[in-house]
Amino acid sequence: MNKEERGRQASVEGFAYEHIAAGILMKKYQNVSLVDLPLSPYDLIIVFKNEKSSEYIIRAQVKKARKSISFTGGTRGGVDRSYRSDVKTYVQSTKTSDVIIGVHPLDDNYFELYFFPTILVEKLNQKSISILKIKQFKNNYFFLENCKKYDLIIKEAKKLGFII
């Protein structure tokens, strides 16, 4: 496969993983939508009722997670890598999204989701993380549903020994 074909495949996979994550989450939460805004720093919106029965909206960035999950955004993958704006590479934060969802393919038909709150991305101050280091976040919907609750996320991450 040449460079152009690899780029095209990477672009297709990115879109596919967004749809896979949306489909899995739709079965659980129903109200899930792909974001169709080209400069948006997040890919999905998830809306569900919180414990007070009011709407709770989560902005999620979807990433392919083979061996690690990247926390960066703003770069253009695929065959068309020309930039038409002043958007530069950035690290996800609570300003850009609430959670990063790593989609880990086990085979062509089975996937695991890693829910990593951007609260913890800010704490770690790094651009990616190995999925081997975040096994506790695999299919752990607690981290998705509570990703905006700073004290709760920090407390749980400390309890798991993830942060000190």
C-alpha atoms as a PDB file:
ATOM      1  CA  MET A   1       0.000   0.000   0.000  1.00  0.00           C
ATOM      2  CA  ASN A   2       1.458   3.387  -0.998  1.00  0.00           C
ATOM      3  CA  LYS A   3       1.395   6.569   1.096  1.00  0.00           C
ATOM      4  CA  GLU A   4      -1.791   7.884  -0.514  1.00  0.00           C
ATOM      5  CA  GLU A   5      -3.634   4.588   0.027  1.00  0.00           C
ATOM      6  CA  ARG A   6      -2.467   4.449   3.670  1.00  0.00           C
ATOM      7  CA  GLY A   7      -3.696   8.003   4.211  1.00  0.00           C
ATOM      8  CA  ARG A   8      -7.060   7.236   2.644  1.00  0.00           C
ATOM      9  CA  GLN A   9      -7.401   4.083   4.771  1.00  0.00           C
ATOM     10  CA  ALA A  10      -6.524   6.019   7.942  1.00  0.00           C
ATOM     11  CA  SER A  11      -9.191   8.593   7.112  1.00  0.00           C
ATOM     12  CA  VAL A  12     -11.817   5.903   6.481  1.00  0.00           C
ATOM     13  CA  GLU A  13     -10.890   4.133   9.732  1.00  0.00           C
ATOM     14  CA  GLY A  14     -11.257   7.383  11.680  1.00  0.00           C
ATOM     15  CA  PHE A  15     -14.787   7.871  10.406  1.00  0.00           C
ATOM     16  CA  ALA A  16     -15.581   4.190  10.977  1.00  0.00           C
ATOM     17  CA  TYR A  17     -14.423   4.310  14.612  1.00  0.00           C
ATOM     18  CA  GLU A  18     -16.590   7.379  15.237  1.00  0.00           C
ATOM     19  CA  HIS A  19     -19.601   5.472  13.883  1.00  0.00           C
ATOM     20  CA  ILE A  20     -18.716   2.332  15.860  1.00  0.00           C
ATOM     21  CA  ALA A  21     -18.470   4.312  19.112  1.00  0.00           C
ATOM     22  CA  ALA A  22     -21.721   6.140  18.328  1.00  0.00           C
ATOM     23  CA  GLY A  23     -23.500   2.840  17.606  1.00  0.00           C
ATOM     24  CA  ILE A  24     -22.323   1.168  20.808  1.00  0.00           C
ATOM     25  CA  LEU A  25     -23.244   4.208  22.891  1.00  0.00           C
ATOM     26  CA  MET A  26     -26.602   4.623  21.112  1.00  0.00           C
ATOM     27  CA  LYS A  27     -27.659   1.161  22.304  1.00  0.00           C
ATOM     28  CA  LYS A  28     -27.013   2.249  25.904  1.00  0.00           C
ATOM     29  CA  TYR A  29     -27.958   5.958  25.917  1.00  0.00           C
ATOM     30  CA  GLN A  30     -30.125   6.331  22.776  1.00  0.00           C
ATOM     31  CA  ASN A  31     -29.476  10.069  22.408  1.00  0.00           C
ATOM     32  CA  VAL A  32     -26.039  10.055  20.732  1.00  0.00           C
ATOM     33  CA  SER A  33     -25.074  12.113  17.717  1.00  0.00           C
ATOM     34  CA  LEU A  34     -22.082  12.471  15.441  1.00  0.00           C
ATOM     35  CA  VAL A  35     -20.893  16.066  15.217  1.00  0.00           C
ATOM     36  CA  ASP A  36     -20.783  17.295  11.638  1.00  0.00           C
ATOM     37  CA  LEU A  37     -18.688  20.402  12.225  1.00  0.00           C
ATOM     38  CA  PRO A  38     -15.280  20.155  10.520  1.00  0.00           C
ATOM     39  CA  LEU A  39     -13.418  22.336  13.028  1.00  0.00           C
ATOM     40  CA  SER A  40     -15.049  20.874  16.135  1.00  0.00           C
ATOM     41  CA  PRO A  41     -12.608  19.462  18.713  1.00  0.00           C
ATOM     42  CA  TYR A  42     -15.079  16.663  19.534  1.00  0.00           C
ATOM     43  CA  ASP A  43     -16.755  13.960  17.439  1.00  0.00           C
ATOM     44  CA  LEU A  44     -19.821  12.908  19.435  1.00  0.00           C
ATOM     45  CA  ILE A  45     -22.449  14.417  21.678  1.00  0.00           C
ATOM     46  CA  ILE A  46     -23.984  12.097  24.267  1.00  0.00           C
ATOM     47  CA  VAL A  47     -27.094  13.248  26.100  1.00  0.00           C
ATOM     48  CA  PHE A  48     -28.691  11.390  28.987  1.00  0.00           C
ATOM     49  CA  LYS A  49     -30.599  12.129  32.157  1.00  0.00           C
ATOM     50  CA  ASN A  50     -28.472  12.556  35.264  1.00  0.00           C
ATOM     51  CA  GLU A  51     -29.474  11.616  38.799  1.00  0.00           C
ATOM     52  CA  LYS A  52     -31.568  14.826  39.032  1.00  0.00           C
ATOM     53  CA  SER A  53     -33.420  13.871  35.790  1.00  0.00           C
ATOM     54  CA  SER A  54     -32.027  16.859  33.931  1.00  0.00           C
ATOM     55  CA  GLU A  55     -30.176  16.578  30.626  1.00  0.00           C
ATOM     56  CA  TYR A  56     -26.480  15.900  30.932  1.00  0.00           C
ATOM     57  CA  ILE A  57     -24.443  16.598  27.787  1.00  0.00           C
ATOM     58  CA  ILE A  58     -21.017  15.082  27.146  1.00  0.00           C
ATOM     59  CA  ARG A  59     -18.651  16.110  24.350  1.00  0.00           C
ATOM     60  CA  ALA A  60     -16.532  13.128  23.272  1.00  0.00           C
ATOM     61  CA  GLN A  61     -13.461  12.879  21.065  1.00  0.00           C
ATOM     62  CA  VAL A  62     -13.087   9.437  19.436  1.00  0.00           C
ATOM     63  CA  LYS A  63      -9.646   7.949  18.832  1.00  0.00           C
ATOM     64  CA  LYS A  64      -8.436   4.658  17.404  1.00  0.00           C
ATOM     65  CA  ALA A  65      -6.733   2.748  20.233  1.00  0.00           C
ATOM     66  CA  ARG A  66      -4.620  -0.125  18.966  1.00  0.00           C
ATOM     67  CA  LYS A  67      -1.767   0.135  21.490  1.00  0.00           C
ATOM     68  CA  SER A  68      -2.274   3.642  22.818  1.00  0.00           C
ATOM     69  CA  ILE A  69      -4.696   6.549  22.803  1.00  0.00           C
ATOM     70  CA  SER A  70      -3.565   9.889  21.439  1.00  0.00           C
ATOM     71  CA  PHE A  71      -4.678  12.998  23.303  1.00  0.00           C
ATOM     72  CA  THR A  72      -3.872  15.359  20.427  1.00  0.00           C
ATOM     73  CA  GLY A  73      -6.165  16.963  17.898  1.00  0.00           C
ATOM     74  CA  GLY A  74      -6.045  19.529  15.144  1.00  0.00           C
ATOM     75  CA  THR A  75      -3.924  17.532  12.736  1.00  0.00           C
ATOM     76  CA  ARG A  76      -5.336  16.364   9.447  1.00  0.00           C
ATOM     77  CA  GLY A  77      -5.075  12.713   8.503  1.00  0.00           C
ATOM     78  CA  GLY A  78      -5.911  11.083   5.237  1.00  0.00           C
ATOM     79  CA  VAL A  79      -4.986  12.042   1.708  1.00  0.00           C
ATOM     80  CA  ASP A  80      -5.956  15.718   1.853  1.00  0.00           C
ATOM     81  CA  ARG A  81      -3.558  17.220   4.362  1.00  0.00           C
ATOM     82  CA  SER A  82      -3.800  20.824   3.223  1.00  0.00           C
ATOM     83  CA  TYR A  83      -4.698  23.244   5.993  1.00  0.00           C
ATOM     84  CA  ARG A  84      -7.239  25.944   5.300  1.00  0.00           C
ATOM     85  CA  SER A  85      -7.340  27.581   8.706  1.00  0.00           C
ATOM     86  CA  ASP A  86      -5.121  28.632  11.575  1.00  0.00           C
ATOM     87  CA  VAL A  87      -6.008  25.464  13.530  1.00  0.00           C
ATOM     88  CA  LYS A  88      -2.878  23.918  15.014  1.00  0.00           C
ATOM     89  CA  THR A  89      -2.207  20.692  16.855  1.00  0.00           C
ATOM     90  CA  TYR A  90      -3.408  20.808  20.456  1.00  0.00           C
ATOM     91  CA  VAL A  91      -3.777  18.445  23.393  1.00  0.00           C
ATOM     92  CA  GLN A  92      -7.364  17.661  24.399  1.00  0.00           C
ATOM     93  CA  SER A  93      -8.503  19.408  27.581  1.00  0.00           C
ATOM     94  CA  THR A  94     -11.695  20.192  29.439  1.00  0.00           C
ATOM     95  CA  LYS A  95     -11.997  23.262  27.180  1.00  0.00           C
ATOM     96  CA  THR A  96     -12.144  21.134  24.008  1.00  0.00           C
ATOM     97  CA  SER A  97     -14.004  17.983  25.121  1.00  0.00           C
ATOM     98  CA  ASP A  98     -15.132  16.120  28.222  1.00  0.00           C
ATOM     99  CA  VAL A  99     -13.909  12.614  27.463  1.00  0.00           C
ATOM    100  CA  ILE A 100     -11.731  10.780  24.989  1.00  0.00           C
ATOM    101  CA  ILE A 101     -13.153   7.491  23.797  1.00  0.00           C
ATOM    102  CA  GLY A 102     -10.530   5.053  22.608  1.00  0.00           C
ATOM    103  CA  VAL A 103     -11.972   2.417  20.273  1.00  0.00           C
ATOM    104  CA  HIS A 104      -9.861  -0.735  20.534  1.00  0.00           C
ATOM    105  CA  PRO A 105     -10.531  -3.325  17.816  1.00  0.00           C
ATOM    106  CA  LEU A 106     -10.281  -6.930  18.987  1.00  0.00           C
ATOM    107  CA  ASP A 107     -11.233  -8.150  15.512  1.00  0.00           C
ATOM    108  CA  ASP A 108     -13.361  -6.841  12.653  1.00  0.00           C
ATOM    109  CA  ASN A 109     -16.603  -7.278  14.607  1.00  0.00           C
ATOM    110  CA  TYR A 110     -15.765  -6.716  18.273  1.00  0.00           C
ATOM    111  CA  PHE A 111     -14.534  -3.548  19.953  1.00  0.00           C
ATOM    112  CA  GLU A 112     -13.703  -2.325  23.435  1.00  0.00           C
ATOM    113  CA  LEU A 113     -14.173   1.282  24.484  1.00  0.00           C
ATOM    114  CA  TYR A 114     -11.828   3.141  26.809  1.00  0.00           C
ATOM    115  CA  PHE A 115     -13.406   6.194  28.486  1.00  0.00           C
ATOM    116  CA  PHE A 116     -10.688   8.632  29.526  1.00  0.00           C
ATOM    117  CA  PRO A 117     -11.857  11.963  31.016  1.00  0.00           C
ATOM    118  CA  THR A 118     -10.010  15.061  29.843  1.00  0.00           C
ATOM    119  CA  ILE A 119      -9.736  16.029  33.507  1.00  0.00           C
ATOM    120  CA  LEU A 120      -7.096  13.284  33.724  1.00  0.00           C
ATOM    121  CA  VAL A 121      -5.467  14.306  30.441  1.00  0.00           C
ATOM    122  CA  GLU A 122      -4.809  17.702  32.036  1.00  0.00           C
ATOM    123  CA  LYS A 123      -3.399  16.030  35.156  1.00  0.00           C
ATOM    124  CA  LEU A 124      -1.051  13.776  33.175  1.00  0.00           C
ATOM    125  CA  ASN A 125       0.273  16.520  30.895  1.00  0.00           C
ATOM    126  CA  GLN A 126       1.239  14.115  28.085  1.00  0.00           C
ATOM    127  CA  LYS A 127       0.175  13.531  24.471  1.00  0.00           C
ATOM    128  CA  SER A 128      -0.851   9.857  24.634  1.00  0.00           C
ATOM    129  CA  ILE A 129      -1.101   6.834  26.896  1.00  0.00           C
ATOM    130  CA  SER A 130      -0.716   3.098  26.445  1.00  0.00           C
ATOM    131  CA  ILE A 131      -3.972   1.171  26.793  1.00  0.00           C
ATOM    132  CA  LEU A 132      -2.023  -1.284  28.990  1.00  0.00           C
ATOM    133  CA  LYS A 133      -1.750   1.511  31.587  1.00  0.00           C
ATOM    134  CA  ILE A 134      -5.470   2.281  31.612  1.00  0.00           C
ATOM    135  CA  LYS A 135      -7.115  -1.131  31.797  1.00  0.00           C
ATOM    136  CA  GLN A 136      -9.433   0.175  34.540  1.00  0.00           C
ATOM    137  CA  PHE A 137     -11.006   2.535  31.997  1.00  0.00           C
ATOM    138  CA  LYS A 138     -11.932  -0.223  29.526  1.00  0.00           C
ATOM    139  CA  ASN A 139     -15.721  -0.431  29.096  1.00  0.00           C
ATOM    140  CA  ASN A 140     -16.012   1.431  32.411  1.00  0.00           C
ATOM    141  CA  TYR A 141     -19.065   3.622  31.889  1.00  0.00           C
ATOM    142  CA  PHE A 142     -18.530   5.260  35.295  1.00  0.00           C
ATOM    143  CA  PHE A 143     -15.762   7.345  33.724  1.00  0.00           C
ATOM    144  CA  LEU A 144     -17.978   8.345  30.807  1.00  0.00           C
ATOM    145  CA  GLU A 145     -21.037   9.210  32.882  1.00  0.00           C
ATOM    146  CA  ASN A 146     -19.052  11.186  35.443  1.00  0.00           C
ATOM    147  CA  CYS A 147     -16.330  12.634  33.197  1.00  0.00           C
ATOM    148  CA  LYS A 148     -17.217  16.250  34.061  1.00  0.00           C
ATOM    149  CA  LYS A 149     -17.194  15.764  37.853  1.00  0.00           C
ATOM    150  CA  TYR A 150     -13.685  16.844  38.792  1.00  0.00           C
ATOM    151  CA  ASP A 151     -13.566  15.755  42.446  1.00  0.00           C
ATOM    152  CA  LEU A 152     -15.202  12.384  41.747  1.00  0.00           C
ATOM    153  CA  ILE A 153     -12.883  11.577  38.808  1.00  0.00           C
ATOM    154  CA  ILE A 154      -9.758  12.544  40.771  1.00  0.00           C
ATOM    155  CA  LYS A 155     -10.912  10.541  43.804  1.00  0.00           C
ATOM    156  CA  GLU A 156     -11.614   7.428  41.697  1.00  0.00           C
ATOM    157  CA  ALA A 157      -8.329   7.749  39.775  1.00  0.00           C
ATOM    158  CA  LYS A 158      -6.429   7.939  43.074  1.00  0.00           C
ATOM    159  CA  LYS A 159      -8.361   4.975  44.484  1.00  0.00           C
ATOM    160  CA  LEU A 160      -7.349   2.948  41.420  1.00  0.00           C
ATOM    161  CA  GLY A 161      -3.732   4.044  41.856  1.00  0.00           C
ATOM    162  CA  PHE A 162      -3.804   5.780  38.515  1.00  0.00           C
ATOM    163  CA  ILE A 163      -2.662   9.129  39.906  1.00  0.00           C
ATOM    164  CA  ILE A 164      -1.073  10.034  43.234  1.00  0.00           C
END
